[in-house]
């Protein structure tokens, strides 16, 4: 395997992993552009090293060309576990963790010289990540848990006012956390269960009418 071929494999793996990482980065996920690129390039290098060692020693040693590369599949599980978080009854980060595993496989494919399957898999994964969310929201309602953080003036009845507005919208409060800030302000963090027909933007529009509201942002 020539030096130029190795460089091409590493560069291609970085590009393919980076494309998927960009989509995750755009959604502010725990693992984004740099993480996905590193995983893909590292996986490609592991496969290159495996193949190179095999071609060097297969005549004298009973070598397995996939032995080093195989450890990538199991090792990536530790990295993926770090992207999974639990918020109340909701588990986040599974898609990002699965994406890391797939990117590692893409890197291995590039390192093995399977360029067309690697490129086709990248395009398919991008299609799934970008467009399947619309199917989830429209047909299954799986993405109905949303997080909000509000900063309000700390006065009596604020939480009750928020609860009344959400109740009228049919939104359930799955989890709520309160924290008193400086300057007599109150931070309210909400995990909401939205009905399928309601978007988080509609909820934000209604909550902007709460008296004493200073700021409101989405968490996910």
N, C-alpha and C. Protein backbone atom coordinates (compact mmCIF):
# COMPACT_ATOMS: atom_id res chain seq x y z
N UNK A 1 0.86 -1.19 0.00
CA UNK A 1 0.00 0.00 0.00
C UNK A 1 0.89 1.25 0.00
N UNK A 2 0.71 2.10 -1.00
CA UNK A 2 1.57 3.28 -1.12
C UNK A 2 1.18 4.36 -0.13
N UNK A 3 2.09 5.29 0.08
CA UNK A 3 1.83 6.41 1.00
C UNK A 3 0.67 7.25 0.50
N UNK A 4 0.63 7.47 -0.80
CA UNK A 4 -0.44 8.29 -1.37
C UNK A 4 -1.81 7.64 -1.19
N UNK A 5 -1.86 6.33 -1.30
CA UNK A 5 -3.12 5.61 -1.10
C UNK A 5 -3.57 5.72 0.35
N UNK A 6 -2.63 5.63 1.27
CA UNK A 6 -2.97 5.77 2.69
C UNK A 6 -3.50 7.16 2.99
N UNK A 7 -2.81 8.18 2.45
CA UNK A 7 -3.26 9.56 2.67
C UNK A 7 -4.65 9.78 2.09
N UNK A 8 -4.89 9.20 0.90
CA UNK A 8 -6.21 9.34 0.29
C UNK A 8 -7.29 8.70 1.16
N UNK A 9 -7.00 7.53 1.71
CA UNK A 9 -7.98 6.85 2.56
C UNK A 9 -8.28 7.67 3.81
N UNK A 10 -7.26 8.20 4.45
CA UNK A 10 -7.47 8.99 5.66
C UNK A 10 -8.25 10.27 5.36
N UNK A 11 -7.93 10.91 4.23
CA UNK A 11 -8.63 12.14 3.86
C UNK A 11 -10.10 11.86 3.54
N UNK A 12 -10.34 10.80 2.78
CA UNK A 12 -11.72 10.45 2.43
C UNK A 12 -12.52 10.09 3.68
N UNK A 13 -11.91 9.34 4.59
CA UNK A 13 -12.60 9.00 5.83
C UNK A 13 -12.93 10.24 6.63
N UNK A 14 -12.01 11.20 6.66
CA UNK A 14 -12.26 12.45 7.38
C UNK A 14 -13.40 13.24 6.77
N UNK A 15 -13.46 13.27 5.45
CA UNK A 15 -14.53 14.01 4.77
C UNK A 15 -15.90 13.37 5.03
N UNK A 16 -15.97 12.05 4.89
CA UNK A 16 -17.25 11.36 5.08
C UNK A 16 -17.72 11.47 6.53
N UNK A 17 -16.81 11.29 7.48
CA UNK A 17 -17.18 11.43 8.88
C UNK A 17 -17.57 12.86 9.21
N UNK A 18 -16.87 13.82 8.61
CA UNK A 18 -17.17 15.23 8.85
C UNK A 18 -18.53 15.64 8.34
N UNK A 19 -18.97 15.06 7.23
CA UNK A 19 -20.29 15.38 6.69
C UNK A 19 -21.39 15.00 7.67
N UNK A 20 -21.27 13.82 8.25
CA UNK A 20 -22.26 13.39 9.24
C UNK A 20 -22.12 14.21 10.52
N UNK A 21 -20.88 14.51 10.89
CA UNK A 21 -20.65 15.33 12.08
C UNK A 21 -21.23 16.72 11.96
N UNK A 22 -21.23 17.27 10.75
CA UNK A 22 -21.82 18.60 10.55
C UNK A 22 -23.31 18.61 10.88
N UNK A 23 -24.00 17.54 10.50
CA UNK A 23 -25.43 17.47 10.81
C UNK A 23 -25.66 17.42 12.31
N UNK A 24 -24.85 16.65 13.03
CA UNK A 24 -24.96 16.59 14.48
C UNK A 24 -24.57 17.92 15.12
N UNK A 25 -23.55 18.57 14.56
CA UNK A 25 -23.11 19.87 15.08
C UNK A 25 -24.20 20.91 14.94
N UNK A 26 -24.94 20.87 13.84
CA UNK A 26 -26.00 21.85 13.60
C UNK A 26 -27.12 21.75 14.62
N UNK A 27 -27.25 20.58 15.27
CA UNK A 27 -28.28 20.38 16.28
C UNK A 27 -27.73 20.46 17.70
N UNK A 28 -26.47 20.93 17.81
CA UNK A 28 -25.83 21.10 19.12
C UNK A 28 -25.79 19.80 19.93
N UNK A 29 -25.47 18.71 19.26
CA UNK A 29 -25.37 17.44 19.94
C UNK A 29 -24.03 17.29 20.65
N UNK A 30 -23.94 16.39 21.66
CA UNK A 30 -22.69 16.26 22.42
C UNK A 30 -21.48 15.92 21.55
N UNK A 31 -21.68 15.15 20.50
CA UNK A 31 -20.60 14.83 19.56
C UNK A 31 -20.93 15.47 18.22
N UNK A 32 -19.97 16.23 17.70
CA UNK A 32 -20.24 16.96 16.46
C UNK A 32 -19.16 16.74 15.42
N UNK A 33 -18.81 17.81 14.71
CA UNK A 33 -17.91 17.73 13.57
C UNK A 33 -16.57 17.11 13.92
N UNK A 34 -15.90 17.63 14.92
CA UNK A 34 -14.56 17.14 15.25
C UNK A 34 -14.57 15.69 15.74
N UNK A 35 -15.55 15.37 16.59
CA UNK A 35 -15.61 14.02 17.13
C UNK A 35 -15.85 12.99 16.04
N UNK A 36 -16.81 13.26 15.17
CA UNK A 36 -17.13 12.32 14.10
C UNK A 36 -15.96 12.18 13.13
N UNK A 37 -15.29 13.30 12.83
CA UNK A 37 -14.14 13.24 11.93
C UNK A 37 -13.02 12.42 12.53
N UNK A 38 -12.74 12.64 13.80
CA UNK A 38 -11.68 11.89 14.47
C UNK A 38 -11.98 10.39 14.50
N UNK A 39 -13.22 10.04 14.80
CA UNK A 39 -13.60 8.63 14.85
C UNK A 39 -13.42 7.98 13.49
N UNK A 40 -13.85 8.66 12.44
CA UNK A 40 -13.76 8.09 11.10
C UNK A 40 -12.31 7.93 10.66
N UNK A 41 -11.50 8.96 10.88
CA UNK A 41 -10.09 8.88 10.48
C UNK A 41 -9.36 7.82 11.30
N UNK A 42 -9.63 7.78 12.60
CA UNK A 42 -8.99 6.77 13.44
C UNK A 42 -9.35 5.36 13.04
N UNK A 43 -10.61 5.15 12.69
CA UNK A 43 -11.05 3.82 12.26
C UNK A 43 -10.37 3.42 10.95
N UNK A 44 -10.27 4.38 10.03
CA UNK A 44 -9.59 4.09 8.76
C UNK A 44 -8.12 3.74 9.00
N UNK A 45 -7.48 4.47 9.90
CA UNK A 45 -6.08 4.18 10.20
C UNK A 45 -5.93 2.79 10.83
N UNK A 46 -6.85 2.42 11.71
CA UNK A 46 -6.79 1.08 12.32
C UNK A 46 -6.89 0.00 11.25
N UNK A 47 -7.74 0.19 10.27
CA UNK A 47 -7.86 -0.80 9.20
C UNK A 47 -6.62 -0.82 8.32
N UNK A 48 -6.06 0.35 8.04
CA UNK A 48 -4.84 0.41 7.24
C UNK A 48 -3.70 -0.32 7.94
N UNK A 49 -3.57 -0.08 9.25
CA UNK A 49 -2.52 -0.75 10.02
C UNK A 49 -2.74 -2.26 10.02
N UNK A 50 -3.99 -2.69 10.17
CA UNK A 50 -4.29 -4.12 10.17
C UNK A 50 -3.88 -4.77 8.86
N UNK A 51 -4.26 -4.14 7.75
CA UNK A 51 -3.94 -4.71 6.44
C UNK A 51 -2.44 -4.69 6.17
N UNK A 52 -1.80 -3.60 6.56
CA UNK A 52 -0.36 -3.48 6.30
C UNK A 52 0.43 -4.54 7.08
N UNK A 53 0.04 -4.74 8.34
CA UNK A 53 0.73 -5.77 9.14
C UNK A 53 0.48 -7.16 8.57
N UNK A 54 -0.71 -7.38 8.07
CA UNK A 54 -1.02 -8.69 7.49
C UNK A 54 -0.15 -8.95 6.25
N UNK A 55 -0.06 -7.95 5.36
CA UNK A 55 0.71 -8.14 4.14
C UNK A 55 2.21 -8.29 4.43
N UNK A 56 2.66 -7.72 5.55
CA UNK A 56 4.08 -7.83 5.88
C UNK A 56 4.44 -9.18 6.49
N UNK A 57 3.50 -9.75 7.27
CA UNK A 57 3.88 -10.92 8.07
C UNK A 57 3.06 -12.18 7.77
N UNK A 58 2.16 -12.14 6.78
CA UNK A 58 1.30 -13.31 6.58
C UNK A 58 2.06 -14.55 6.13
N UNK A 59 3.25 -14.37 5.55
CA UNK A 59 4.03 -15.54 5.10
C UNK A 59 4.73 -16.25 6.25
N UNK A 60 4.97 -15.53 7.33
CA UNK A 60 5.69 -16.13 8.46
C UNK A 60 4.83 -16.32 9.70
N UNK A 61 3.74 -15.57 9.80
CA UNK A 61 2.88 -15.63 10.99
C UNK A 61 1.44 -15.80 10.54
N UNK A 62 0.68 -16.56 11.31
CA UNK A 62 -0.74 -16.73 11.02
C UNK A 62 -1.49 -15.48 11.49
N UNK A 63 -1.45 -14.41 10.69
CA UNK A 63 -1.99 -13.10 11.07
C UNK A 63 -3.44 -12.97 10.62
N UNK A 64 -4.20 -12.23 11.42
CA UNK A 64 -5.59 -11.93 11.10
C UNK A 64 -5.67 -10.48 10.62
N UNK A 65 -6.04 -10.24 9.35
CA UNK A 65 -6.04 -8.87 8.81
C UNK A 65 -7.07 -7.95 9.46
N UNK A 66 -8.03 -8.51 10.17
CA UNK A 66 -9.05 -7.65 10.77
C UNK A 66 -8.96 -7.58 12.28
N UNK A 67 -7.86 -8.08 12.85
CA UNK A 67 -7.80 -8.19 14.31
C UNK A 67 -7.77 -6.82 14.99
N UNK A 68 -6.93 -5.92 14.53
CA UNK A 68 -6.85 -4.58 15.14
C UNK A 68 -8.11 -3.80 14.85
N UNK A 69 -8.56 -3.84 13.60
CA UNK A 69 -9.73 -3.06 13.21
C UNK A 69 -10.98 -3.52 13.96
N UNK A 70 -11.05 -4.80 14.30
CA UNK A 70 -12.23 -5.31 14.99
C UNK A 70 -12.41 -4.67 16.36
N UNK A 71 -11.32 -4.24 16.97
CA UNK A 71 -11.42 -3.62 18.29
C UNK A 71 -12.09 -2.25 18.23
N UNK A 72 -12.12 -1.65 17.05
CA UNK A 72 -12.78 -0.34 16.90
C UNK A 72 -14.27 -0.48 17.21
N UNK A 73 -14.89 -1.55 16.75
CA UNK A 73 -16.33 -1.73 16.93
C UNK A 73 -16.70 -1.81 18.40
N UNK A 74 -15.91 -2.57 19.17
CA UNK A 74 -16.21 -2.66 20.60
C UNK A 74 -15.77 -1.42 21.35
N UNK A 75 -14.64 -0.85 20.95
CA UNK A 75 -14.13 0.32 21.65
C UNK A 75 -14.99 1.55 21.47
N UNK A 76 -15.67 1.67 20.35
CA UNK A 76 -16.48 2.86 20.10
C UNK A 76 -17.68 2.92 21.05
N UNK A 77 -18.03 1.79 21.65
CA UNK A 77 -19.14 1.78 22.59
C UNK A 77 -18.90 2.67 23.79
N UNK A 78 -17.65 2.75 24.26
CA UNK A 78 -17.34 3.60 25.40
C UNK A 78 -17.52 5.07 25.04
N UNK A 79 -17.13 5.44 23.84
CA UNK A 79 -17.29 6.83 23.40
C UNK A 79 -18.76 7.15 23.21
N UNK A 80 -19.51 6.23 22.62
CA UNK A 80 -20.93 6.45 22.40
C UNK A 80 -21.70 6.58 23.70
N UNK A 81 -21.29 5.83 24.72
CA UNK A 81 -21.98 5.89 26.01
C UNK A 81 -21.87 7.28 26.62
N UNK A 82 -20.79 7.99 26.32
CA UNK A 82 -20.61 9.33 26.86
C UNK A 82 -21.54 10.36 26.26
N UNK A 83 -22.16 10.06 25.14
CA UNK A 83 -23.08 11.00 24.51
C UNK A 83 -24.53 10.79 24.93
N UNK A 84 -24.79 9.73 25.73
CA UNK A 84 -26.16 9.40 26.14
C UNK A 84 -26.44 10.03 27.49
N UNK A 85 -27.51 10.80 27.57
CA UNK A 85 -27.89 11.47 28.80
C UNK A 85 -29.35 11.17 29.12
N UNK A 86 -29.66 11.21 30.39
CA UNK A 86 -31.04 10.98 30.82
C UNK A 86 -31.59 12.24 31.45
N UNK A 87 -32.76 12.64 30.99
CA UNK A 87 -33.45 13.80 31.54
C UNK A 87 -34.84 13.34 31.98
N UNK A 88 -35.00 13.08 33.28
CA UNK A 88 -36.27 12.57 33.76
C UNK A 88 -36.51 11.20 33.17
N UNK A 89 -37.63 11.05 32.47
CA UNK A 89 -37.95 9.77 31.85
C UNK A 89 -37.46 9.68 30.41
N UNK A 90 -36.78 10.73 29.95
CA UNK A 90 -36.35 10.80 28.56
C UNK A 90 -34.86 10.52 28.45
N UNK A 91 -34.49 9.68 27.50
CA UNK A 91 -33.09 9.39 27.23
C UNK A 91 -32.70 10.08 25.94
N UNK A 92 -31.64 10.89 25.99
CA UNK A 92 -31.16 11.62 24.81
C UNK A 92 -29.79 11.13 24.42
N UNK A 93 -29.46 11.28 23.16
CA UNK A 93 -28.12 10.98 22.68
C UNK A 93 -27.97 9.63 22.02
N UNK A 94 -29.04 8.85 21.95
CA UNK A 94 -28.93 7.52 21.33
C UNK A 94 -28.62 7.62 19.85
N UNK A 95 -29.23 8.59 19.18
CA UNK A 95 -28.95 8.76 17.75
C UNK A 95 -27.51 9.16 17.51
N UNK A 96 -27.00 10.06 18.36
CA UNK A 96 -25.61 10.48 18.25
C UNK A 96 -24.66 9.31 18.49
N UNK A 97 -24.98 8.49 19.49
CA UNK A 97 -24.15 7.32 19.78
C UNK A 97 -24.17 6.33 18.62
N UNK A 98 -25.35 6.11 18.07
CA UNK A 98 -25.46 5.22 16.91
C UNK A 98 -24.70 5.78 15.72
N UNK A 99 -24.74 7.10 15.57
CA UNK A 99 -24.01 7.75 14.48
C UNK A 99 -22.51 7.54 14.60
N UNK A 100 -21.99 7.62 15.82
CA UNK A 100 -20.56 7.37 16.04
C UNK A 100 -20.19 5.95 15.64
N UNK A 101 -21.05 5.00 15.97
CA UNK A 101 -20.78 3.61 15.61
C UNK A 101 -20.76 3.44 14.09
N UNK A 102 -21.73 4.04 13.41
CA UNK A 102 -21.79 3.93 11.96
C UNK A 102 -20.59 4.62 11.31
N UNK A 103 -20.19 5.79 11.84
CA UNK A 103 -19.04 6.49 11.29
C UNK A 103 -17.77 5.66 11.44
N UNK A 104 -17.66 4.96 12.57
CA UNK A 104 -16.51 4.07 12.74
C UNK A 104 -16.51 2.98 11.67
N UNK A 105 -17.68 2.45 11.37
CA UNK A 105 -17.79 1.44 10.31
C UNK A 105 -17.44 2.02 8.94
N UNK A 106 -17.84 3.26 8.71
CA UNK A 106 -17.49 3.92 7.45
C UNK A 106 -15.98 4.08 7.34
N UNK A 107 -15.35 4.48 8.43
CA UNK A 107 -13.90 4.61 8.42
C UNK A 107 -13.22 3.28 8.14
N UNK A 108 -13.72 2.20 8.72
CA UNK A 108 -13.15 0.88 8.46
C UNK A 108 -13.32 0.50 6.99
N UNK A 109 -14.47 0.82 6.42
CA UNK A 109 -14.71 0.49 5.02
C UNK A 109 -13.75 1.25 4.11
N UNK A 110 -13.53 2.53 4.40
CA UNK A 110 -12.58 3.31 3.61
C UNK A 110 -11.18 2.74 3.75
N UNK A 111 -10.79 2.40 4.98
CA UNK A 111 -9.47 1.82 5.20
C UNK A 111 -9.27 0.52 4.46
N UNK A 112 -10.36 -0.23 4.26
CA UNK A 112 -10.28 -1.49 3.53
C UNK A 112 -10.37 -1.30 2.02
N UNK A 113 -10.54 -0.06 1.59
CA UNK A 113 -10.63 0.20 0.15
C UNK A 113 -12.02 0.08 -0.42
N UNK A 114 -13.03 -0.06 0.42
CA UNK A 114 -14.42 -0.17 -0.05
C UNK A 114 -15.02 1.23 -0.15
N UNK A 115 -14.58 1.99 -1.13
CA UNK A 115 -14.94 3.39 -1.23
C UNK A 115 -16.41 3.61 -1.58
N UNK A 116 -16.92 2.86 -2.53
CA UNK A 116 -18.32 3.05 -2.95
C UNK A 116 -19.28 2.71 -1.81
N UNK A 117 -19.13 1.56 -1.13
CA UNK A 117 -20.01 1.29 0.02
C UNK A 117 -19.91 2.36 1.11
N UNK A 118 -18.71 2.89 1.35
CA UNK A 118 -18.55 3.91 2.38
C UNK A 118 -19.28 5.20 2.00
N UNK A 119 -19.14 5.61 0.75
CA UNK A 119 -19.81 6.83 0.28
C UNK A 119 -21.31 6.63 0.28
N UNK A 120 -21.77 5.47 -0.20
CA UNK A 120 -23.21 5.20 -0.23
C UNK A 120 -23.80 5.18 1.18
N UNK A 121 -23.07 4.60 2.13
CA UNK A 121 -23.54 4.58 3.51
C UNK A 121 -23.62 5.98 4.09
N UNK A 122 -22.63 6.81 3.80
CA UNK A 122 -22.64 8.20 4.27
C UNK A 122 -23.86 8.94 3.77
N UNK A 123 -24.15 8.82 2.48
CA UNK A 123 -25.32 9.50 1.90
C UNK A 123 -26.61 8.98 2.52
N UNK A 124 -26.68 7.68 2.75
CA UNK A 124 -27.88 7.10 3.34
C UNK A 124 -28.06 7.58 4.78
N UNK A 125 -26.99 7.65 5.55
CA UNK A 125 -27.07 8.11 6.94
C UNK A 125 -27.50 9.57 6.98
N UNK A 126 -26.95 10.39 6.10
CA UNK A 126 -27.35 11.80 6.05
C UNK A 126 -28.83 11.93 5.73
N UNK A 127 -29.31 11.13 4.79
CA UNK A 127 -30.74 11.15 4.45
C UNK A 127 -31.58 10.77 5.66
N UNK A 128 -31.16 9.75 6.39
CA UNK A 128 -31.92 9.31 7.57
C UNK A 128 -31.94 10.40 8.63
N UNK A 129 -30.79 10.99 8.92
CA UNK A 129 -30.70 12.00 9.98
C UNK A 129 -31.48 13.26 9.65
N UNK A 130 -31.45 13.66 8.38
CA UNK A 130 -32.08 14.92 8.00
C UNK A 130 -33.57 14.79 7.76
N UNK A 131 -33.98 13.71 7.09
CA UNK A 131 -35.36 13.61 6.66
C UNK A 131 -36.25 12.73 7.52
N UNK A 132 -35.67 11.76 8.22
CA UNK A 132 -36.51 10.88 9.02
C UNK A 132 -37.11 11.58 10.22
N UNK A 133 -36.48 12.68 10.67
CA UNK A 133 -37.06 13.44 11.79
C UNK A 133 -38.44 13.97 11.42
N UNK A 134 -38.63 14.30 10.15
CA UNK A 134 -39.93 14.80 9.71
C UNK A 134 -40.98 13.69 9.76
N UNK A 135 -40.57 12.46 9.40
CA UNK A 135 -41.50 11.35 9.50
C UNK A 135 -41.87 11.08 10.96
N UNK A 136 -40.89 11.21 11.85
CA UNK A 136 -41.16 10.99 13.27
C UNK A 136 -42.18 12.00 13.79
N UNK A 137 -41.94 13.27 13.46
CA UNK A 137 -42.82 14.32 13.96
C UNK A 137 -44.22 14.23 13.36
N UNK A 138 -44.30 13.83 12.09
CA UNK A 138 -45.59 13.85 11.40
C UNK A 138 -46.43 12.60 11.66
N UNK A 139 -45.79 11.44 11.71
CA UNK A 139 -46.54 10.20 11.75
C UNK A 139 -46.49 9.45 13.08
N UNK A 140 -45.37 9.57 13.80
CA UNK A 140 -45.24 8.76 15.01
C UNK A 140 -45.31 9.55 16.29
N UNK A 141 -44.97 10.84 16.23
CA UNK A 141 -44.99 11.66 17.44
C UNK A 141 -43.95 11.25 18.46
N UNK A 142 -42.85 10.61 17.99
CA UNK A 142 -41.84 10.15 18.93
C UNK A 142 -41.06 11.30 19.55
N UNK A 143 -40.94 12.41 18.84
CA UNK A 143 -40.13 13.51 19.33
C UNK A 143 -41.02 14.55 20.01
N UNK A 144 -41.72 14.14 21.05
CA UNK A 144 -42.68 15.02 21.69
C UNK A 144 -42.21 15.57 23.02
N UNK A 145 -41.01 15.18 23.46
CA UNK A 145 -40.45 15.74 24.68
C UNK A 145 -39.52 16.90 24.33
N UNK A 146 -39.80 18.05 24.91
CA UNK A 146 -39.01 19.25 24.63
C UNK A 146 -38.63 19.92 25.93
N UNK A 147 -37.48 20.58 25.91
CA UNK A 147 -37.01 21.28 27.10
C UNK A 147 -37.00 22.78 26.91
N UNK A 148 -37.36 23.51 27.95
CA UNK A 148 -37.33 24.97 27.94
C UNK A 148 -36.69 25.46 29.23
N UNK A 149 -36.02 26.58 29.15
CA UNK A 149 -35.51 27.25 30.35
C UNK A 149 -35.99 28.70 30.30
N UNK A 150 -36.60 29.13 31.39
CA UNK A 150 -37.17 30.47 31.47
C UNK A 150 -36.53 31.22 32.64
N UNK A 151 -36.29 32.50 32.44
CA UNK A 151 -35.81 33.39 33.50
C UNK A 151 -36.88 34.45 33.73
N UNK A 152 -37.40 34.50 34.96
CA UNK A 152 -38.50 35.41 35.28
C UNK A 152 -38.18 36.16 36.57
N UNK A 153 -38.95 37.22 36.80
CA UNK A 153 -38.89 37.90 38.08
C UNK A 153 -39.44 36.97 39.16
N UNK A 154 -38.73 36.91 40.27
CA UNK A 154 -39.13 36.01 41.36
C UNK A 154 -40.25 36.65 42.16
N UNK A 155 -41.47 36.30 41.78
CA UNK A 155 -42.65 36.83 42.45
C UNK A 155 -43.66 35.70 42.65
N UNK A 156 -44.57 35.82 43.59
CA UNK A 156 -45.56 34.75 43.83
C UNK A 156 -46.42 34.48 42.60
N UNK A 157 -46.72 33.21 42.38
CA UNK A 157 -47.65 32.82 41.32
C UNK A 157 -47.04 32.61 39.96
N UNK A 158 -45.72 32.72 39.82
CA UNK A 158 -45.10 32.57 38.51
C UNK A 158 -45.22 31.14 37.98
N UNK A 159 -44.91 30.19 38.83
CA UNK A 159 -45.01 28.79 38.39
C UNK A 159 -46.46 28.42 38.09
N UNK A 160 -47.38 28.94 38.87
CA UNK A 160 -48.79 28.68 38.61
C UNK A 160 -49.24 29.25 37.28
N UNK A 161 -48.74 30.44 36.94
CA UNK A 161 -49.10 31.05 35.65
C UNK A 161 -48.58 30.22 34.49
N UNK A 162 -47.36 29.71 34.64
CA UNK A 162 -46.80 28.86 33.59
C UNK A 162 -47.62 27.58 33.46
N UNK A 163 -47.97 26.98 34.58
CA UNK A 163 -48.75 25.75 34.56
C UNK A 163 -50.11 25.94 33.93
N UNK A 164 -50.74 27.11 34.18
CA UNK A 164 -52.06 27.38 33.60
C UNK A 164 -51.99 27.47 32.08
N UNK A 165 -50.97 28.16 31.58
CA UNK A 165 -50.82 28.30 30.13
C UNK A 165 -50.57 26.94 29.48
N UNK A 166 -49.67 26.17 30.07
CA UNK A 166 -49.36 24.85 29.51
C UNK A 166 -50.57 23.92 29.59
N UNK A 167 -51.35 24.03 30.66
CA UNK A 167 -52.54 23.20 30.79
C UNK A 167 -53.57 23.50 29.72
N UNK A 168 -53.75 24.79 29.40
CA UNK A 168 -54.69 25.16 28.35
C UNK A 168 -54.25 24.65 26.98
N UNK A 169 -52.94 24.52 26.79
CA UNK A 169 -52.42 24.01 25.52
C UNK A 169 -52.42 22.49 25.46
N UNK A 170 -52.70 21.83 26.56
CA UNK A 170 -52.65 20.37 26.60
C UNK A 170 -51.25 19.83 26.76
N UNK A 171 -50.34 20.67 27.26
CA UNK A 171 -48.95 20.26 27.45
C UNK A 171 -48.76 19.78 28.88
N UNK A 172 -48.12 18.64 29.04
CA UNK A 172 -47.85 18.09 30.37
C UNK A 172 -46.43 18.43 30.79
N UNK A 173 -46.25 18.80 32.05
CA UNK A 173 -44.93 19.08 32.59
C UNK A 173 -44.36 17.77 33.13
N UNK A 174 -43.37 17.22 32.41
CA UNK A 174 -42.76 15.96 32.82
C UNK A 174 -41.79 16.15 33.97
N UNK A 175 -41.09 17.28 33.94
CA UNK A 175 -40.12 17.57 35.00
C UNK A 175 -39.94 19.08 35.09
N UNK A 176 -39.72 19.59 36.31
CA UNK A 176 -39.52 21.02 36.50
C UNK A 176 -38.44 21.22 37.56
N UNK A 177 -37.54 22.16 37.30
CA UNK A 177 -36.48 22.50 38.25
C UNK A 177 -36.46 24.02 38.42
N UNK A 178 -36.38 24.46 39.66
CA UNK A 178 -36.37 25.89 39.98
C UNK A 178 -35.04 26.25 40.61
N UNK A 179 -34.53 27.42 40.23
CA UNK A 179 -33.29 27.93 40.82
C UNK A 179 -33.37 29.44 40.92
N UNK A 180 -33.14 29.95 42.13
CA UNK A 180 -33.15 31.39 42.35
C UNK A 180 -31.82 32.00 41.93
N UNK A 181 -31.90 33.03 41.12
CA UNK A 181 -30.71 33.70 40.61
C UNK A 181 -30.51 35.04 41.32
N UNK A 182 -29.45 35.71 40.96
CA UNK A 182 -29.21 37.04 41.50
C UNK A 182 -30.22 38.04 40.91
N UNK A 183 -30.28 39.22 41.50
CA UNK A 183 -31.16 40.29 41.03
C UNK A 183 -32.63 39.90 41.10
N UNK A 184 -32.96 39.04 42.10
CA UNK A 184 -34.36 38.68 42.33
C UNK A 184 -35.01 38.02 41.12
N UNK A 185 -34.27 37.15 40.46
CA UNK A 185 -34.79 36.42 39.30
C UNK A 185 -34.91 34.93 39.63
N UNK A 186 -35.77 34.26 38.87
CA UNK A 186 -36.03 32.83 39.06
C UNK A 186 -35.82 32.11 37.73
N UNK A 187 -35.02 31.05 37.75
CA UNK A 187 -34.82 30.24 36.56
C UNK A 187 -35.68 28.98 36.66
N UNK A 188 -36.50 28.76 35.64
CA UNK A 188 -37.40 27.61 35.61
C UNK A 188 -37.01 26.74 34.42
N UNK A 189 -36.61 25.51 34.69
CA UNK A 189 -36.25 24.57 33.63
C UNK A 189 -37.35 23.52 33.52
N UNK A 190 -37.90 23.37 32.31
CA UNK A 190 -39.06 22.52 32.09
C UNK A 190 -38.76 21.42 31.08
N UNK A 191 -39.22 20.22 31.36
CA UNK A 191 -39.25 19.14 30.38
C UNK A 191 -40.71 18.87 30.07
N UNK A 192 -41.10 19.12 28.83
CA UNK A 192 -42.51 19.13 28.46
C UNK A 192 -42.88 17.97 27.55
N UNK A 193 -44.08 17.48 27.74
CA UNK A 193 -44.65 16.44 26.88
C UNK A 193 -45.68 17.11 25.99
N UNK A 194 -45.33 17.26 24.70
CA UNK A 194 -46.18 17.99 23.76
C UNK A 194 -47.12 17.06 23.03
N UNK A 195 -48.36 17.48 22.80
CA UNK A 195 -49.25 16.70 21.92
C UNK A 195 -48.75 16.75 20.49
N UNK A 196 -49.07 15.77 19.66
CA UNK A 196 -48.52 15.69 18.30
C UNK A 196 -48.79 16.92 17.44
N UNK A 197 -49.93 17.60 17.67
CA UNK A 197 -50.29 18.71 16.79
C UNK A 197 -49.63 20.02 17.18
N UNK A 198 -48.90 20.05 18.30
CA UNK A 198 -48.36 21.30 18.84
C UNK A 198 -46.84 21.31 18.71
N UNK A 199 -46.29 22.45 18.24
CA UNK A 199 -44.84 22.59 18.14
C UNK A 199 -44.31 23.38 19.33
N UNK A 200 -43.02 23.24 19.57
CA UNK A 200 -42.41 23.94 20.69
C UNK A 200 -42.43 25.45 20.47
N UNK A 201 -42.41 25.88 19.22
CA UNK A 201 -42.48 27.32 18.93
C UNK A 201 -43.84 27.89 19.34
N UNK A 202 -44.90 27.12 19.17
CA UNK A 202 -46.22 27.57 19.61
C UNK A 202 -46.25 27.74 21.12
N UNK A 203 -45.61 26.82 21.83
CA UNK A 203 -45.57 26.90 23.29
C UNK A 203 -44.79 28.14 23.73
N UNK A 204 -43.66 28.38 23.08
CA UNK A 204 -42.85 29.56 23.42
C UNK A 204 -43.63 30.84 23.20
N UNK A 205 -44.37 30.90 22.09
CA UNK A 205 -45.17 32.10 21.80
C UNK A 205 -46.18 32.36 22.91
N UNK A 206 -46.80 31.31 23.43
CA UNK A 206 -47.78 31.49 24.50
C UNK A 206 -47.12 31.88 25.82
N UNK A 207 -45.96 31.32 26.08
CA UNK A 207 -45.28 31.59 27.35
C UNK A 207 -44.65 32.98 27.41
N UNK A 208 -44.48 33.62 26.27
CA UNK A 208 -43.92 34.97 26.28
C UNK A 208 -44.87 35.97 26.94
N UNK A 209 -46.12 35.56 27.13
CA UNK A 209 -47.07 36.45 27.79
C UNK A 209 -47.03 36.39 29.30
N UNK A 210 -46.17 35.54 29.86
CA UNK A 210 -46.06 35.46 31.32
C UNK A 210 -45.48 36.75 31.87
N UNK A 211 -46.09 37.28 32.89
CA UNK A 211 -45.64 38.55 33.48
C UNK A 211 -44.26 38.39 34.11
N UNK A 212 -43.39 39.35 33.84
CA UNK A 212 -42.05 39.34 34.42
C UNK A 212 -41.06 38.45 33.71
N UNK A 213 -41.39 37.96 32.51
CA UNK A 213 -40.48 37.08 31.77
C UNK A 213 -39.28 37.88 31.27
N UNK A 214 -38.08 37.39 31.56
CA UNK A 214 -36.86 38.04 31.10
C UNK A 214 -36.27 37.35 29.88
N UNK A 215 -36.35 36.00 29.87
CA UNK A 215 -35.73 35.27 28.76
C UNK A 215 -36.33 33.87 28.71
N UNK A 216 -36.39 33.30 27.50
CA UNK A 216 -36.87 31.93 27.31
C UNK A 216 -36.10 31.30 26.18
N UNK A 217 -35.57 30.09 26.42
CA UNK A 217 -34.75 29.40 25.42
C UNK A 217 -35.11 27.93 25.38
N UNK A 218 -34.84 27.30 24.25
CA UNK A 218 -35.03 25.86 24.10
C UNK A 218 -33.80 25.14 24.61
N UNK A 219 -34.02 23.95 25.18
CA UNK A 219 -32.94 23.09 25.64
C UNK A 219 -32.60 22.01 24.64
N UNK A 220 -33.55 21.59 23.80
CA UNK A 220 -33.29 20.54 22.83
C UNK A 220 -34.17 20.74 21.62
